[in-house]
C-alpha atoms as a PDB file:
ATOM      1  CA  MET A   1      99.024 112.344  66.623  1.00  0.00           C
ATOM      2  CA  ILE A   2     100.051 112.275  70.185  1.00  0.00           C
ATOM      3  CA  LEU A   3      98.977 109.891  72.774  1.00  0.00           C
ATOM      4  CA  VAL A   4      99.953 110.053  76.342  1.00  0.00           C
ATOM      5  CA  ALA A   5      99.007 107.433  79.403  1.00  0.00           C
ATOM      6  CA  ASP A   6      99.147 107.753  83.230  1.00  0.00           C
ATOM      7  CA  SER A   7      98.630 104.136  84.499  1.00  0.00           C
ATOM      8  CA  GLY A   8      97.950 103.331  88.171  1.00  0.00           C
ATOM      9  CA  SER A   9      97.250 100.024  88.981  1.00  0.00           C
ATOM     10  CA  SER A  10      93.241 101.112  89.240  1.00  0.00           C
ATOM     11  CA  GLN A  11      93.196 103.232  86.706  1.00  0.00           C
ATOM     12  CA  SER A  12      94.903 104.262  83.840  1.00  0.00           C
ATOM     13  CA  ASP A  13      94.147 108.127  82.296  1.00  0.00           C
ATOM     14  CA  TRP A  14      94.327 108.862  78.683  1.00  0.00           C
ATOM     15  CA  MET A  15      94.753 111.746  76.821  1.00  0.00           C
ATOM     16  CA  LEU A  16      95.430 111.936  72.837  1.00  0.00           C
ATOM     17  CA  ALA A  17      96.029 115.446  70.715  1.00  0.00           C
ATOM     18  CA  LEU A  18      93.492 115.783  68.329  1.00  0.00           C
ATOM     19  CA  PRO A  19      94.244 117.735  64.484  1.00  0.00           C
ATOM     20  CA  ASP A  20      92.147 120.435  65.630  1.00  0.00           C
ATOM     21  CA  GLY A  21      94.391 121.215  68.311  1.00  0.00           C
ATOM     22  CA  LYS A  22      91.654 119.629  71.040  1.00  0.00           C
ATOM     23  CA  ARG A  23      92.228 117.224  73.773  1.00  0.00           C
ATOM     24  CA  LEU A  24      90.403 113.875  73.889  1.00  0.00           C
ATOM     25  CA  ALA A  25      90.534 112.424  77.227  1.00  0.00           C
ATOM     26  CA  PHE A  26      89.251 108.905  78.701  1.00  0.00           C
ATOM     27  CA  THR A  27      90.073 106.439  81.077  1.00  0.00           C
ATOM     28  CA  THR A  28      90.524 102.719  81.346  1.00  0.00           C
ATOM     29  CA  LYS A  29      91.577 100.023  83.854  1.00  0.00           C
ATOM     30  CA  GLY A  30      94.600  99.775  85.660  1.00  0.00           C
ATOM     31  CA  LEU A  31      97.367  98.534  83.171  1.00  0.00           C
ATOM     32  CA  ASN A  32     100.111  97.271  85.963  1.00  0.00           C
ATOM     33  CA  PRO A  33     102.177  94.649  84.056  1.00  0.00           C
ATOM     34  CA  PHE A  34     102.860  93.185  87.687  1.00  0.00           C
ATOM     35  CA  PHE A  35      99.038  92.213  87.385  1.00  0.00           C
ATOM     36  CA  VAL A  36      97.625  91.863  83.657  1.00  0.00           C
ATOM     37  CA  ASN A  37      99.582  89.809  81.016  1.00  0.00           C
ATOM     38  CA  GLU A  38     100.611  91.416  77.339  1.00  0.00           C
ATOM     39  CA  LYS A  39      96.862  89.569  76.354  1.00  0.00           C
ATOM     40  CA  ASP A  40      94.813  91.387  79.068  1.00  0.00           C
ATOM     41  CA  ILE A  41      96.724  94.893  78.501  1.00  0.00           C
ATOM     42  CA  ALA A  42      95.914  94.584  74.798  1.00  0.00           C
ATOM     43  CA  LYS A  43      92.264  93.874  75.142  1.00  0.00           C
ATOM     44  CA  ILE A  44      91.366  96.159  77.406  1.00  0.00           C
ATOM     45  CA  ILE A  45      92.975  98.717  75.126  1.00  0.00           C
ATOM     46  CA  GLN A  46      91.182  97.682  72.472  1.00  0.00           C
ATOM     47  CA  ASN A  47      88.237  97.732  74.244  1.00  0.00           C
ATOM     48  CA  ALA A  48      88.703 101.522  74.733  1.00  0.00           C
ATOM     49  CA  ASN A  49      85.808 102.728  72.138  1.00  0.00           C
ATOM     50  CA  GLU A  50      87.155 106.348  72.619  1.00  0.00           C
ATOM     51  CA  ILE A  51      90.117 106.015  70.918  1.00  0.00           C
ATOM     52  CA  LEU A  52      89.586 103.516  67.769  1.00  0.00           C
ATOM     53  CA  PRO A  53      88.619 105.840  65.113  1.00  0.00           C
ATOM     54  CA  HIS A  54      92.046 107.505  65.944  1.00  0.00           C
ATOM     55  CA  ALA A  55      94.421 104.559  66.432  1.00  0.00           C
ATOM     56  CA  GLU A  56      95.802 104.335  63.130  1.00  0.00           C
ATOM     57  CA  GLN A  57      96.494 107.977  62.902  1.00  0.00           C
ATOM     58  CA  VAL A  58      98.672 108.242  66.292  1.00  0.00           C
ATOM     59  CA  THR A  59     102.000 108.429  65.456  1.00  0.00           C
ATOM     60  CA  GLU A  60     103.351 108.440  69.227  1.00  0.00           C
ATOM     61  CA  VAL A  61     102.537 106.748  71.928  1.00  0.00           C
ATOM     62  CA  TYR A  62     104.270 107.937  75.962  1.00  0.00           C
ATOM     63  CA  PHE A  63     103.059 105.693  78.268  1.00  0.00           C
ATOM     64  CA  PHE A  64     104.116 105.953  81.515  1.00  0.00           C
ATOM     65  CA  GLY A  65     102.732 103.041  84.330  1.00  0.00           C
ATOM     66  CA  SER A  66     103.567 102.093  87.724  1.00  0.00           C
ATOM     67  CA  GLY A  67     104.869  98.326  87.058  1.00  0.00           C
ATOM     68  CA  CYS A  68     107.158  98.777  84.112  1.00  0.00           C
ATOM     69  CA  THR A  69     110.256  99.141  86.028  1.00  0.00           C
ATOM     70  CA  SER A  70     111.996  96.509  84.134  1.00  0.00           C
ATOM     71  CA  PRO A  71     112.904  96.286  80.566  1.00  0.00           C
ATOM     72  CA  ASP A  72     110.443  92.963  80.355  1.00  0.00           C
ATOM     73  CA  ARG A  73     107.923  94.364  81.809  1.00  0.00           C
ATOM     74  CA  ARG A  74     107.920  97.841  79.728  1.00  0.00           C
ATOM     75  CA  GLU A  75     108.357  95.412  76.351  1.00  0.00           C
ATOM     76  CA  MET A  76     105.185  93.669  77.471  1.00  0.00           C
ATOM     77  CA  VAL A  77     103.211  97.103  77.863  1.00  0.00           C
ATOM     78  CA  SER A  78     104.908  98.103  74.510  1.00  0.00           C
ATOM     79  CA  ASN A  79     103.948  95.085  72.711  1.00  0.00           C
ATOM     80  CA  ALA A  80     100.167  95.081  73.797  1.00  0.00           C
ATOM     81  CA  LEU A  81     100.487  99.012  72.748  1.00  0.00           C
ATOM     82  CA  SER A  82     101.966  98.283  69.028  1.00  0.00           C
ATOM     83  CA  GLN A  83      99.081  95.711  68.783  1.00  0.00           C
ATOM     84  CA  LEU A  84      96.382  98.873  68.356  1.00  0.00           C
ATOM     85  CA  PHE A  85      99.493 101.585  67.709  1.00  0.00           C
ATOM     86  CA  SER A  86     100.733  99.797  64.271  1.00  0.00           C
ATOM     87  CA  ASN A  87     102.050 103.311  63.337  1.00  0.00           C
ATOM     88  CA  ALA A  88     103.178 104.572  65.897  1.00  0.00           C
ATOM     89  CA  PHE A  89     106.490 105.211  67.802  1.00  0.00           C
ATOM     90  CA  ILE A  90     106.124 103.622  71.532  1.00  0.00           C
ATOM     91  CA  SER A  91     107.779 104.749  74.786  1.00  0.00           C
ATOM     92  CA  VAL A  92     107.211 103.056  78.065  1.00  0.00           C
ATOM     93  CA  GLU A  93     108.411 104.357  81.047  1.00  0.00           C
ATOM     94  CA  THR A  94     107.678 104.237  85.181  1.00  0.00           C
ATOM     95  CA  ASP A  95     104.780 105.967  86.341  1.00  0.00           C
ATOM     96  CA  LEU A  96     107.325 108.417  88.995  1.00  0.00           C
ATOM     97  CA  VAL A  97     108.974 109.621  85.517  1.00  0.00           C
ATOM     98  CA  GLY A  98     105.912 110.792  84.447  1.00  0.00           C
ATOM     99  CA  ALA A  99     104.912 111.701  87.756  1.00  0.00           C
ATOM    100  CA  ALA A 100     108.982 113.914  87.435  1.00  0.00           C
ATOM    101  CA  TYR A 101     107.536 115.259  84.533  1.00  0.00           C
ATOM    102  CA  ALA A 102     104.302 116.430  85.564  1.00  0.00           C
ATOM    103  CA  THR A 103     105.564 118.037  89.013  1.00  0.00           C
ATOM    104  CA  CYS A 104     109.184 119.210  88.734  1.00  0.00           C
ATOM    105  CA  GLY A 105     109.377 119.609  84.743  1.00  0.00           C
ATOM    106  CA  ASN A 106     112.808 120.384  84.309  1.00  0.00           C
ATOM    107  CA  ARG A 107     113.721 121.134  87.787  1.00  0.00           C
ATOM    108  CA  LYS A 108     115.203 118.769  90.341  1.00  0.00           C
ATOM    109  CA  GLY A 109     112.908 117.577  93.424  1.00  0.00           C
ATOM    110  CA  TYR A 110     111.930 114.359  95.249  1.00  0.00           C
ATOM    111  CA  ILE A 111     108.598 112.883  93.409  1.00  0.00           C
ATOM    112  CA  ALA A 112     106.090 110.530  96.114  1.00  0.00           C
ATOM    113  CA  THR A 113     103.471 108.631  94.281  1.00  0.00           C
ATOM    114  CA  LEU A 114     100.592 107.913  97.056  1.00  0.00           C
ATOM    115  CA  GLY A 115      97.806 106.402  95.449  1.00  0.00           C
ATOM    116  CA  THR A 116      96.996 102.582  95.280  1.00  0.00           C
ATOM    117  CA  GLY A 117     100.951 102.179  95.893  1.00  0.00           C
ATOM    118  CA  SER A 118     103.314 104.240  97.107  1.00  0.00           C
ATOM    119  CA  ASP A 119     107.091 105.260  95.990  1.00  0.00           C
ATOM    120  CA  VAL A 120     109.274 108.132  95.914  1.00  0.00           C
ATOM    121  CA  SER A 121     112.356 109.118  93.767  1.00  0.00           C
ATOM    122  CA  PHE A 122     114.509 111.791  93.247  1.00  0.00           C
ATOM    123  CA  PHE A 123     114.521 113.988  89.495  1.00  0.00           C
ATOM    124  CA  ASP A 124     117.603 115.274  89.034  1.00  0.00           C
ATOM    125  CA  GLY A 125     116.354 117.622  86.114  1.00  0.00           C
ATOM    126  CA  GLU A 126     116.862 114.613  83.660  1.00  0.00           C
ATOM    127  CA  GLU A 127     116.636 111.877  84.742  1.00  0.00           C
ATOM    128  CA  VAL A 128     114.466 110.057  87.897  1.00  0.00           C
ATOM    129  CA  LEU A 129     117.348 108.202  89.687  1.00  0.00           C
ATOM    130  CA  PRO A 130     117.111 104.686  90.949  1.00  0.00           C
ATOM    131  CA  THR A 131     116.334 104.127  94.670  1.00  0.00           C
ATOM    132  CA  GLN A 132     115.611 101.083  97.287  1.00  0.00           C
ATOM    133  CA  GLN A 133     112.159 102.300  97.275  1.00  0.00           C
ATOM    134  CA  GLY A 134     109.173 100.670  95.624  1.00  0.00           C
ATOM    135  CA  ILE A 135     109.154  97.679  96.753  1.00  0.00           C
ATOM    136  CA  GLY A 136     105.293  96.744  96.157  1.00  0.00           C
ATOM    137  CA  TYR A 137     102.263  95.817  98.537  1.00  0.00           C
ATOM    138  CA  VAL A 138     103.027  92.663 100.410  1.00  0.00           C
ATOM    139  CA  LEU A 139     106.544  94.633 101.536  1.00  0.00           C
ATOM    140  CA  GLY A 140     106.136  98.071 101.535  1.00  0.00           C
ATOM    141  CA  ASP A 141     103.768 100.282  99.948  1.00  0.00           C
ATOM    142  CA  GLU A 142     103.895 102.575 103.096  1.00  0.00           C
ATOM    143  CA  GLY A 143     101.162 105.280 103.423  1.00  0.00           C
ATOM    144  CA  SER A 144      99.217 103.787  99.964  1.00  0.00           C
ATOM    145  CA  GLY A 145      95.499 102.826  99.268  1.00  0.00           C
ATOM    146  CA  VAL A 146      96.285  99.737  99.857  1.00  0.00           C
ATOM    147  CA  TRP A 147      98.548 100.104 102.937  1.00  0.00           C
ATOM    148  CA  PHE A 148      95.030 101.898 104.652  1.00  0.00           C
ATOM    149  CA  GLY A 149      92.809  99.542 102.541  1.00  0.00           C
ATOM    150  CA  LYS A 150      94.557  96.814 104.492  1.00  0.00           C
ATOM    151  CA  GLN A 151      94.694  98.371 107.933  1.00  0.00           C
ATOM    152  CA  LEU A 152      90.839  99.230 107.874  1.00  0.00           C
ATOM    153  CA  VAL A 153      89.890  94.859 106.713  1.00  0.00           C
ATOM    154  CA  THR A 154      92.279  94.388 109.607  1.00  0.00           C
ATOM    155  CA  GLN A 155      90.658  96.423 112.157  1.00  0.00           C
ATOM    156  CA  PHE A 156      87.258  95.493 111.084  1.00  0.00           C
ATOM    157  CA  LEU A 157      88.169  91.889 111.041  1.00  0.00           C
ATOM    158  CA  TYR A 158      89.860  92.144 114.230  1.00  0.00           C
ATOM    159  CA  GLY A 159      87.073  93.528 116.429  1.00  0.00           C
ATOM    160  CA  SER A 160      89.447  96.975 117.047  1.00  0.00           C
ATOM    161  CA  MET A 161      87.787  99.453 115.076  1.00  0.00           C
ATOM    162  CA  PRO A 162      85.635 101.622 116.951  1.00  0.00           C
ATOM    163  CA  ALA A 163      82.111 100.416 116.925  1.00  0.00           C
ATOM    164  CA  GLY A 164      79.965 103.013 115.804  1.00  0.00           C
ATOM    165  CA  LEU A 165      82.754 103.102 112.830  1.00  0.00           C
ATOM    166  CA  ALA A 166      82.720  99.372 112.449  1.00  0.00           C
ATOM    167  CA  ALA A 167      79.227  99.638 111.789  1.00  0.00           C
ATOM    168  CA  GLU A 168      79.080 102.261 109.088  1.00  0.00           C
ATOM    169  CA  PHE A 169      82.003 100.231 107.632  1.00  0.00           C
ATOM    170  CA  ALA A 170      79.548  96.677 107.871  1.00  0.00           C
ATOM    171  CA  ALA A 171      76.760  98.818 106.423  1.00  0.00           C
ATOM    172  CA  LYS A 172      78.541 100.088 103.293  1.00  0.00           C
ATOM    173  CA  TYR A 173      81.012  96.639 102.434  1.00  0.00           C
ATOM    174  CA  ARG A 174      78.577  93.484 103.960  1.00  0.00           C
ATOM    175  CA  LEU A 175      82.281  91.610 104.320  1.00  0.00           C
ATOM    176  CA  ASN A 176      83.461  88.557 106.535  1.00  0.00           C
ATOM    177  CA  LYS A 177      86.778  86.835 106.823  1.00  0.00           C
ATOM    178  CA  GLU A 178      85.585  84.403 103.940  1.00  0.00           C
ATOM    179  CA  ILE A 179      85.305  87.238 101.124  1.00  0.00           C
ATOM    180  CA  VAL A 180      88.138  89.047 102.218  1.00  0.00           C
ATOM    181  CA  ILE A 181      90.650  85.714 101.884  1.00  0.00           C
ATOM    182  CA  LYS A 182      88.761  84.662  98.826  1.00  0.00           C
ATOM    183  CA  ASN A 183      89.908  88.219  96.964  1.00  0.00           C
ATOM    184  CA  VAL A 184      93.547  88.511  98.644  1.00  0.00           C
ATOM    185  CA  TYR A 185      94.442  85.247  98.220  1.00  0.00           C
ATOM    186  CA  GLN A 186      92.731  83.602  94.972  1.00  0.00           C
ATOM    187  CA  ARG A 187      91.446  86.370  93.028  1.00  0.00           C
ATOM    188  CA  ALA A 188      93.188  88.925  90.708  1.00  0.00           C
ATOM    189  CA  THR A 189      94.518  92.916  91.739  1.00  0.00           C
ATOM    190  CA  PRO A 190      94.211  91.785  95.712  1.00  0.00           C
ATOM    191  CA  ASN A 191      96.505  95.281  95.585  1.00  0.00           C
ATOM    192  CA  ALA A 192      93.305  96.855  94.025  1.00  0.00           C
ATOM    193  CA  TYR A 193      90.902  95.458  96.083  1.00  0.00           C
ATOM    194  CA  LEU A 194      92.675  96.387  99.171  1.00  0.00           C
ATOM    195  CA  ALA A 195      92.882 100.022  98.328  1.00  0.00           C
ATOM    196  CA  SER A 196      89.687 100.157  97.231  1.00  0.00           C
ATOM    197  CA  PHE A 197      88.272 100.276 101.343  1.00  0.00           C
ATOM    198  CA  ALA A 198      90.172 103.481 101.655  1.00  0.00           C
ATOM    199  CA  LEU A 199      87.441 105.500  99.883  1.00  0.00           C
ATOM    200  CA  PHE A 200      85.967 104.844 102.980  1.00  0.00           C
ATOM    201  CA  MET A 201      88.524 107.303 104.874  1.00  0.00           C
ATOM    202  CA  SER A 202      86.845 110.474 102.998  1.00  0.00           C
ATOM    203  CA  ALA A 203      83.730 110.659 104.486  1.00  0.00           C
ATOM    204  CA  TYR A 204      85.072 110.095 107.816  1.00  0.00           C
ATOM    205  CA  SER A 205      88.726 111.930 107.771  1.00  0.00           C
ATOM    206  CA  ASP A 206      87.805 114.085 110.729  1.00  0.00           C
ATOM    207  CA  HIS A 207      86.961 111.269 113.612  1.00  0.00           C
ATOM    208  CA  PRO A 208      90.088 110.326 115.570  1.00  0.00           C
ATOM    209  CA  PHE A 209      90.519 107.090 114.413  1.00  0.00           C
ATOM    210  CA  ILE A 210      90.365 107.689 111.066  1.00  0.00           C
ATOM    211  CA  ASP A 211      92.470 111.261 111.440  1.00  0.00           C
ATOM    212  CA  GLU A 212      95.412 108.948 113.893  1.00  0.00           C
ATOM    213  CA  LEU A 213      95.529 105.766 111.071  1.00  0.00           C
ATOM    214  CA  LEU A 214      95.876 108.906 108.250  1.00  0.00           C
ATOM    215  CA  LYS A 215      98.705 110.443 110.346  1.00  0.00           C
ATOM    216  CA  LYS A 216     100.420 107.360 111.204  1.00  0.00           C
ATOM    217  CA  GLY A 217     100.470 106.016 107.091  1.00  0.00           C
ATOM    218  CA  PHE A 218     102.592 109.155 106.223  1.00  0.00           C
ATOM    219  CA  THR A 219     104.230 109.118 108.902  1.00  0.00           C
ATOM    220  CA  GLU A 220     105.595 105.417 108.262  1.00  0.00           C
ATOM    221  CA  PHE A 221     106.151 106.921 104.443  1.00  0.00           C
ATOM    222  CA  ILE A 222     108.217 109.542 105.248  1.00  0.00           C
ATOM    223  CA  THR A 223     110.162 107.830 108.050  1.00  0.00           C
ATOM    224  CA  THR A 224     110.630 104.871 105.095  1.00  0.00           C
ATOM    225  CA  ASN A 225     110.829 106.166 101.922  1.00  0.00           C
ATOM    226  CA  ILE A 226     112.155 110.015 102.326  1.00  0.00           C
ATOM    227  CA  LYS A 227     114.124 110.526 105.291  1.00  0.00           C
ATOM    228  CA  PRO A 228     116.809 107.744 104.504  1.00  0.00           C
ATOM    229  CA  PHE A 229     117.705 110.532 101.406  1.00  0.00           C
ATOM    230  CA  PRO A 230     120.301 112.484 103.846  1.00  0.00           C
ATOM    231  CA  ASP A 231     119.482 115.708 101.116  1.00  0.00           C
ATOM    232  CA  HIS A 232     115.844 114.967 101.138  1.00  0.00           C
ATOM    233  CA  GLY A 233     115.484 118.464 103.248  1.00  0.00           C
ATOM    234  CA  ASP A 234     117.516 120.338 100.661  1.00  0.00           C
ATOM    235  CA  TYR A 235     114.931 119.601  98.042  1.00  0.00           C
ATOM    236  CA  VAL A 236     110.867 120.322  97.958  1.00  0.00           C
ATOM    237  CA  CYS A 237     108.805 117.182  97.860  1.00  0.00           C
ATOM    238  CA  HIS A 238     106.261 116.550  95.307  1.00  0.00           C
ATOM    239  CA  PHE A 239     103.470 114.233  95.960  1.00  0.00           C
ATOM    240  CA  VAL A 240     101.265 112.659  93.205  1.00  0.00           C
ATOM    241  CA  GLY A 241      98.010 110.358  93.711  1.00  0.00           C
ATOM    242  CA  SER A 242      94.359 110.309  95.385  1.00  0.00           C
ATOM    243  CA  ILE A 243      95.674 109.556  99.104  1.00  0.00           C
ATOM    244  CA  ALA A 244      97.754 112.696  98.977  1.00  0.00           C
ATOM    245  CA  TYR A 245      95.179 114.907  97.096  1.00  0.00           C
ATOM    246  CA  PHE A 246      92.041 113.588  99.243  1.00  0.00           C
ATOM    247  CA  PHE A 247      93.954 113.582 102.309  1.00  0.00           C
ATOM    248  CA  ILE A 248      96.344 116.116 102.236  1.00  0.00           C
ATOM    249  CA  GLU A 249      95.381 118.039 105.141  1.00  0.00           C
ATOM    250  CA  GLN A 250      96.510 115.098 107.448  1.00  0.00           C
ATOM    251  CA  LEU A 251      99.482 114.772 104.642  1.00  0.00           C
ATOM    252  CA  ARG A 252     100.679 118.671 104.943  1.00  0.00           C
ATOM    253  CA  GLU A 253     100.534 118.303 108.968  1.00  0.00           C
ATOM    254  CA  VAL A 254     102.856 115.590 109.107  1.00  0.00           C
ATOM    255  CA  CYS A 255     105.169 116.895 106.343  1.00  0.00           C
ATOM    256  CA  GLU A 256     105.674 119.785 108.694  1.00  0.00           C
ATOM    257  CA  GLN A 257     106.229 118.059 111.490  1.00  0.00           C
ATOM    258  CA  ARG A 258     109.300 115.874 109.896  1.00  0.00           C
ATOM    259  CA  GLY A 259     110.620 118.087 108.448  1.00  0.00           C
ATOM    260  CA  VAL A 260     109.634 117.984 104.468  1.00  0.00           C
ATOM    261  CA  LYS A 261     109.046 120.614 102.289  1.00  0.00           C
ATOM    262  CA  MET A 262     106.017 119.989 100.358  1.00  0.00           C
ATOM    263  CA  GLY A 263     105.360 120.481  96.681  1.00  0.00           C
ATOM    264  CA  LYS A 264     102.746 120.258  94.082  1.00  0.00           C
ATOM    265  CA  VAL A 265     100.254 117.612  94.765  1.00  0.00           C
ATOM    266  CA  LEU A 266      98.427 116.196  92.215  1.00  0.00           C
ATOM    267  CA  ASN A 267      95.714 113.722  92.042  1.00  0.00           C
ATOM    268  CA  ARG A 268      95.873 112.685  88.520  1.00  0.00           C
ATOM    269  CA  PRO A 269      98.962 114.389  86.927  1.00  0.00           C
ATOM    270  CA  ILE A 270      97.787 113.419  82.998  1.00  0.00           C
ATOM    271  CA  ASN A 271      96.608 117.060  82.000  1.00  0.00           C
ATOM    272  CA  GLU A 272     100.350 118.111  83.527  1.00  0.00           C
ATOM    273  CA  LEU A 273     101.918 115.258  82.412  1.00  0.00           C
ATOM    274  CA  PHE A 274     100.394 115.829  78.549  1.00  0.00           C
ATOM    275  CA  SER A 275     101.127 119.577  78.580  1.00  0.00           C
ATOM    276  CA  TYR A 276     104.870 118.291  79.320  1.00  0.00           C
ATOM    277  CA  ILE A 277     105.219 115.959  76.442  1.00  0.00           C
ATOM    278  CA  ILE A 278     103.586 117.890  73.965  1.00  0.00           C
ATOM    279  CA  GLN A 279     105.567 121.288  74.618  1.00  0.00           C
ATOM    280  CA  ARG A 280     108.934 119.117  75.021  1.00  0.00           C
ATOM    281  CA  GLU A 281     108.262 117.106  71.425  1.00  0.00           C
ATOM    282  CA  LYS A 282     107.037 120.787  69.954  1.00  0.00           C
ATOM    283  CA  ASN A 283     110.651 121.915  70.976  1.00  0.00           C
ATOM    284  CA  TYR A 284     112.178 118.632  70.007  1.00  0.00           C
ATOM    285  CA  GLU A 285     110.860 119.122  66.281  1.00  0.00           C
ATOM    286  CA  ILE A 286     111.929 122.953  66.272  1.00  0.00           C
ATOM    287  CA  HIS A 287     115.590 122.058  66.918  1.00  0.00           C
ATOM    288  CA  VAL A 288     115.788 119.037  65.049  1.00  0.00           C
END
């Protein structure tokens, strides 16, 4: 049985191919190896009750995750996975590779991630080429959930958020300076914490302040991450992630203004990614 995972910093989506042809889908916490260690990753997976009855029958695991950008990070995830899936071949790649398979298939194109974090790369039809982008939530992540959450929190604390909106924000989150500082500087996964505030924008996306903030974030993402590629206008750019998906109207407007050809926009690419992997492995078996 083949198991496929698409993991961000906040959530991981899993899909298993069952013997009867059906799909078993489940979710776990995000498994970004920059924020959780091998022991924690193993524990999270082993607490996923949906997969436990099938663990010994899993023969292949294809894991695509944020933070899996170096051999040691990928090895950390692979070692954790092997503790439960002891009979399986295990492959660990970045979430951008998974996004490329889900959106481009075998065609060339740009793939942008706009979820908890943000990133972009070019897929040449076979490989995701390395870029200078993807430098994380402290230095980058323009237009991501983290970026928007940081803007919302800081403007609320500074008192620069419009009064009516600030009242709604205060009623929903009951924040003060001490609470924010503790969660950002003293606790684990500050990126996921900051990104959680981006959900607030969903109910107020037509508010002038939120609309302007969304366009500003997307403009900064495109200016910083897409425009530096001289041939960006020659290819379609696909988007993956909740921020791109739920605020597609603002994103589309900014893309049109900035000369970016928008392609597919997927919230969670697990279904398309799973189908791609299953078809690829089926064709591989036939040719072998």
